[in-house]
Each structure stands twice: as structure tokens, then as C-alpha cells.
Amino acid sequence: MSDRILAGGLLAAGLVIAAWILAPALHSIGQSDHYVEVKGLAEREIPANLAIWPLVYSATGNDLPQVQATIEQDAERILAFLVAQGFKPEDISRSPPRITDKLSQQYGGDGAVRGSRYTAEATVLLRTEQIQPLRRAQQQAGELVRSGVVLMHQWGAQTQFLYTDLNAIKPDMIAEATRNGREAAARFAEDSGATVGRLLRARQGLFSITDRDPYSPEIKRIRVVSTLEYQLVDD
């Protein structure tokens, strides 16, 4: 009988000790069901570090060799203009001219060509890291028109301003987004009578690069939004 009483006492003591050991773990398991999902935002305005300026120009006439000579002369004028603005010759490239013959495009009719028969288009492309000098050169491009160069506004040939060094700022922006997300989680937890626990999971959003506004495309707005889940611990 005494052996049974002793065994029962030991079993009860073991259950008490086990409950004391497992209680925090069970409490932790219960707490893991309480979490908050927040968005962390990081945003910066950074100057573009690369510009691509296509200068599209044209010449017309009825004598093809003369049209070709005009295109060559205009290319030299554009090259001289860009070099005078301080750009490096190695940053400037040229495309071959595209010739349109109106007569070859006619079907039937009397064979008469109205206006100039030949139209030639070509492009001088400037690719440079000198952003502000490029902006100033664009404001002075009227000099080319006054010298006889027919500059064209062509769809798809607008100046592009790019930012190419995103990897250099990614770590700081991700850290900033995480800090902002934790601050948002802390405010939510305070309103809920809890505190922020460990980070359960995080999903980094895509980085976006847009113009700050339509009038200053050389200034880029870089943005990233991270989605974060934090454990909430009841006070």
C-alpha cells in the first residue's frame, strides 16, 4: 500500500514539474498566433547619372547626292556643337541615314512627285553622365536650327534620363523600410495593449524608379515597399 502511495506521489510531483517547465512554451505557442502585418516604405529623390539624347535630323531634295551631302554636313554641325558644349567625342555616335524615295512608293498615277522626291533622316546619339551640361545644351539647340539643321521631334526619340547605380543604395533603403515597418507595428501594438515581438517573415517589394515630375525628368524618385509580419506579445 505504501508503495502505491509513494508511486502516486512521485507521479503527481512529476506532473507538477512538467507543467511548470512546459507552461512558458505553451504560452509562447499561443502568442505566435498573434501577429500584425505592416508595410514599410522607403523613398528617395536622386539625380539621374546617365542621359541619352538622340538628335534626329533630316534633309530633303530631288538630287540624291545633294541630299546625302546635306545630311553629312548637318552631322558635322551637330558633332561640332556637342563638342563645343564640352561633351567627349567618344560619347557621341551616328546612325546611317534612312532614305525615302517618294517615286518608288507611288503606284499608278502620272509619275509626278509633289514636293521633294528624296527625304533622308539620321540620328546623332549622345550618351553621357554629364547631366546638367546636357540640359544646358538642349536649351541652346536653337543654334543648330539657325545654322540650317532640320531637327525633328520624333516619337520614341525623346531624351532619356536614367539612374543605373541602384545596387549601391538598395541595402540602406531596405533597412529604412524595415525600420519604418517596425515603427508602424509598434504603434499598432501600443494601441492593442501589446508589444512587438520577433519578425516572423518579410517580403521585399520591387524597387520602382520614376521621374519626380514631368518637368524635371533628370531627378528620379526611387521607392520600395516591404511587407513585414511581427509577432505581438500581450503585456
Protein backbone atom coordinates (compact mmCIF):
# COMPACT_ATOMS: atom_id res chain seq x y z
CA MET A 1 0.00 0.00 0.00
CA SER A 2 2.80 2.37 0.96
CA ASP A 3 4.49 1.60 -2.37
CA ARG A 4 1.34 2.66 -4.24
CA ILE A 5 1.11 5.90 -2.23
CA LEU A 6 4.78 6.64 -2.91
CA ALA A 7 4.38 5.96 -6.65
CA GLY A 8 1.29 8.16 -6.79
CA GLY A 9 3.13 10.96 -5.04
CA LEU A 10 6.05 10.74 -7.43
CA LEU A 11 3.68 10.79 -10.43
CA ALA A 12 1.90 13.86 -9.11
CA ALA A 13 5.20 15.63 -8.45
CA GLY A 14 6.34 14.77 -11.97
CA LEU A 15 3.21 16.21 -13.49
CA VAL A 16 3.63 19.44 -11.50
CA ILE A 17 7.25 19.81 -12.61
CA ALA A 18 6.35 19.05 -16.24
CA ALA A 19 3.57 21.64 -16.17
CA TRP A 20 5.97 24.21 -14.70
CA ILE A 21 8.52 23.53 -17.45
CA LEU A 22 6.04 23.46 -20.33
CA ALA A 23 3.99 26.49 -19.28
CA PRO A 24 6.26 29.12 -20.90
CA ALA A 25 6.47 27.06 -24.08
CA LEU A 26 2.70 26.72 -24.27
CA HIS A 27 2.35 30.43 -23.62
CA SER A 28 4.81 31.07 -26.46
CA ILE A 29 2.84 28.84 -28.81
CA GLY A 30 -0.29 30.78 -28.00
CA GLN A 31 1.45 34.08 -28.57
CA SER A 32 2.70 33.01 -32.02
CA ASP A 33 -0.88 33.20 -33.26
CA HIS A 34 -0.91 36.95 -32.59
CA TYR A 35 0.83 38.98 -35.25
CA VAL A 36 0.47 42.15 -37.26
CA GLU A 37 1.24 42.71 -40.93
CA VAL A 38 2.58 46.15 -41.82
CA LYS A 39 4.06 47.95 -44.81
CA GLY A 40 7.47 49.60 -44.57
CA LEU A 41 8.17 52.39 -47.07
CA ALA A 42 11.49 53.90 -48.15
CA GLU A 43 11.63 56.67 -50.73
CA ARG A 44 14.42 58.87 -52.08
CA GLU A 45 14.97 61.51 -54.74
CA ILE A 46 18.27 61.07 -56.57
CA PRO A 47 19.74 62.79 -59.65
CA ALA A 48 19.99 60.67 -62.78
CA ASN A 49 23.54 59.57 -63.58
CA LEU A 50 23.10 58.76 -67.28
CA ALA A 51 21.40 60.62 -70.13
CA ILE A 52 20.70 59.51 -73.70
CA TRP A 53 19.91 62.30 -76.16
CA PRO A 54 19.02 61.32 -79.74
CA LEU A 55 19.22 64.28 -82.13
CA VAL A 56 17.16 63.28 -85.15
CA TYR A 57 17.59 65.47 -88.24
CA SER A 58 16.51 65.38 -91.87
CA ALA A 59 17.20 66.75 -95.34
CA THR A 60 15.10 66.77 -98.48
CA GLY A 61 15.69 67.35 -102.19
CA ASN A 62 15.34 65.98 -105.68
CA ASP A 63 19.04 65.21 -106.16
CA LEU A 64 20.09 62.23 -104.05
CA PRO A 65 23.84 63.03 -103.87
CA GLN A 66 22.98 66.56 -102.72
CA VAL A 67 20.64 65.21 -100.05
CA GLN A 68 23.39 62.87 -98.87
CA ALA A 69 25.87 65.77 -98.77
CA THR A 70 23.44 67.85 -96.69
CA ILE A 71 23.00 65.02 -94.21
CA GLU A 72 26.78 64.73 -93.84
CA GLN A 73 27.19 68.48 -93.36
CA ASP A 74 24.43 68.54 -90.74
CA ALA A 75 26.06 65.64 -88.88
CA GLU A 76 29.32 67.57 -88.72
CA ARG A 77 27.49 70.65 -87.43
CA ILE A 78 25.83 68.60 -84.68
CA LEU A 79 29.12 66.93 -83.69
CA ALA A 80 30.88 70.30 -83.53
CA PHE A 81 28.05 71.74 -81.44
CA LEU A 82 28.20 68.89 -78.91
CA VAL A 83 31.98 69.02 -78.59
CA ALA A 84 31.79 72.79 -78.09
CA GLN A 85 29.34 72.12 -75.24
CA GLY A 86 32.02 70.06 -73.50
CA PHE A 87 31.00 66.51 -74.40
CA LYS A 88 33.54 63.83 -75.22
CA PRO A 89 33.71 62.65 -78.85
CA GLU A 90 33.68 59.03 -77.65
CA ASP A 91 30.23 59.64 -76.07
CA ILE A 92 28.79 60.58 -79.48
CA SER A 93 27.71 58.13 -82.18
CA ARG A 94 25.95 58.37 -85.54
CA SER A 95 23.40 56.25 -87.35
CA PRO A 96 23.41 55.75 -91.14
CA PRO A 97 20.82 57.85 -92.98
CA ARG A 98 17.42 56.41 -93.85
CA ILE A 99 16.44 57.43 -97.39
CA THR A 100 12.84 57.62 -98.59
CA ASP A 101 12.14 57.89 -102.33
CA LYS A 102 8.59 59.09 -102.92
CA LEU A 103 8.67 58.00 -106.55
CA SER A 104 9.41 54.38 -105.64
CA GLN A 105 6.42 54.39 -103.27
CA GLN A 106 3.88 55.53 -105.85
CA TYR A 107 1.52 53.11 -107.53
CA GLY A 108 -0.05 54.16 -110.80
CA GLY A 109 -0.79 57.83 -111.37
CA ASP A 110 1.10 60.12 -113.70
CA GLY A 111 4.51 59.51 -112.07
CA ALA A 112 4.81 63.12 -110.93
CA VAL A 113 6.26 63.74 -107.47
CA ARG A 114 4.80 66.59 -105.48
CA GLY A 115 7.40 68.25 -103.31
CA SER A 116 10.89 66.86 -102.85
CA ARG A 117 11.48 63.36 -104.12
CA TYR A 118 14.03 62.28 -101.51
CA THR A 119 13.87 62.54 -97.74
CA ALA A 120 16.80 61.47 -95.58
CA GLU A 121 16.72 61.05 -91.80
CA ALA A 122 19.63 60.30 -89.49
CA THR A 123 20.43 60.41 -85.77
CA VAL A 124 23.36 61.64 -83.74
CA LEU A 125 23.23 59.96 -80.33
CA LEU A 126 24.79 61.43 -77.20
CA ARG A 127 25.22 59.07 -74.24
CA THR A 128 26.73 60.89 -71.27
CA GLU A 129 26.96 61.13 -67.50
CA GLN A 130 27.15 64.94 -67.75
CA ILE A 131 23.52 65.63 -66.88
CA GLN A 132 23.50 69.38 -66.27
CA PRO A 133 25.67 70.21 -69.32
CA LEU A 134 23.23 68.20 -71.40
CA ARG A 135 20.28 70.19 -70.06
CA ARG A 136 22.08 73.42 -70.93
CA ALA A 137 22.94 72.12 -74.41
CA GLN A 138 19.29 71.30 -75.05
CA GLN A 139 18.36 74.89 -74.25
CA GLN A 140 20.90 76.09 -76.82
CA ALA A 141 19.95 73.63 -79.57
CA GLY A 142 18.37 76.52 -81.44
CA GLU A 143 21.87 77.32 -82.66
CA LEU A 144 21.71 74.19 -84.80
CA VAL A 145 18.40 75.22 -86.32
CA ARG A 146 19.78 78.68 -87.12
CA SER A 147 22.72 77.02 -88.90
CA GLY A 148 20.32 75.13 -91.16
CA VAL A 149 19.97 71.78 -89.37
CA VAL A 150 16.39 70.48 -89.51
CA LEU A 151 15.91 68.87 -86.10
CA MET A 152 12.89 66.61 -85.78
CA HIS A 153 10.66 65.77 -82.83
CA GLN A 154 10.13 62.08 -83.36
CA TRP A 155 8.03 59.69 -81.28
CA GLY A 156 10.29 57.28 -79.42
CA ALA A 157 13.32 59.54 -79.74
CA GLN A 158 12.90 61.55 -76.54
CA THR A 159 15.79 62.20 -74.20
CA GLN A 160 16.08 59.53 -71.50
CA PHE A 161 17.42 60.19 -68.01
CA LEU A 162 18.40 57.05 -66.11
CA TYR A 163 19.72 56.02 -62.71
CA THR A 164 21.96 52.98 -63.02
CA ASP A 165 23.50 52.60 -59.54
CA LEU A 166 20.54 51.09 -57.70
CA ASN A 167 22.59 48.34 -56.03
CA ALA A 168 24.59 50.99 -54.16
CA ILE A 169 21.52 52.28 -52.28
CA LYS A 170 19.44 49.09 -52.01
CA PRO A 171 20.76 47.93 -48.59
CA ASP A 172 20.15 51.29 -46.90
CA MET A 173 16.68 51.61 -48.40
CA ILE A 174 15.69 48.09 -47.35
CA ALA A 175 16.91 48.82 -43.82
CA GLU A 176 14.93 52.07 -43.79
CA ALA A 177 11.77 50.30 -44.97
CA THR A 178 12.22 47.70 -42.22
CA ARG A 179 12.62 50.40 -39.56
CA ASN A 180 9.51 52.20 -40.77
CA GLY A 181 7.57 48.93 -40.75
CA ARG A 182 8.63 48.14 -37.17
CA GLU A 183 7.59 51.64 -36.07
CA ALA A 184 4.17 51.07 -37.61
CA ALA A 185 3.93 47.69 -35.86
CA ALA A 186 4.92 49.30 -32.54
CA ARG A 187 2.15 51.91 -32.86
CA PHE A 188 -0.38 49.19 -33.62
CA ALA A 189 0.85 47.08 -30.70
CA GLU A 190 0.63 50.05 -28.31
CA ASP A 191 -2.98 50.68 -29.32
CA SER A 192 -3.71 46.98 -28.79
CA GLY A 193 -2.08 46.74 -25.36
CA ALA A 194 0.77 44.56 -26.61
CA THR A 195 4.42 44.82 -27.52
CA VAL A 196 6.22 43.93 -30.73
CA GLY A 197 7.99 40.60 -30.69
CA ARG A 198 10.22 38.97 -33.27
CA LEU A 199 9.98 39.39 -37.01
CA LEU A 200 8.09 36.37 -38.35
CA ARG A 201 8.51 36.93 -42.08
CA ALA A 202 9.33 39.67 -44.58
CA ARG A 203 8.59 40.15 -48.26
CA GLN A 204 10.61 42.77 -50.11
CA GLY A 205 8.72 44.66 -52.77
CA LEU A 206 10.10 45.69 -56.15
CA PHE A 207 12.11 48.89 -56.47
CA SER A 208 10.47 51.47 -58.72
CA ILE A 209 12.26 54.37 -60.43
CA THR A 210 10.11 57.18 -61.81
CA ASP A 211 10.53 60.83 -62.75
CA ARG A 212 9.95 63.22 -59.87
CA ASP A 213 7.61 65.18 -62.15
CA PRO A 214 7.13 65.81 -65.90
CA TYR A 215 9.26 68.97 -65.76
CA SER A 216 12.39 67.55 -64.13
CA PRO A 217 12.95 64.05 -65.55
CA GLU A 218 16.62 64.26 -64.53
CA ILE A 219 15.51 63.85 -60.87
CA LYS A 220 14.42 60.30 -60.08
CA ARG A 221 12.10 59.12 -57.32
CA ILE A 222 13.14 55.68 -56.06
CA ARG A 223 10.67 53.74 -53.94
CA VAL A 224 10.39 50.36 -52.27
CA VAL A 225 7.66 48.91 -50.05
CA SER A 226 8.37 45.87 -47.87
CA THR A 227 5.68 43.71 -46.25
CA LEU A 228 6.56 42.64 -42.71
CA GLU A 229 4.88 40.40 -40.14
CA TYR A 230 5.75 40.89 -36.46
CA GLN A 231 4.72 38.79 -33.50
CA LEU A 232 2.59 40.57 -30.91
CA VAL A 233 3.21 39.75 -27.26
CA ASP A 234 0.49 40.51 -24.72
CA ASP A 235 1.68 42.72 -21.86
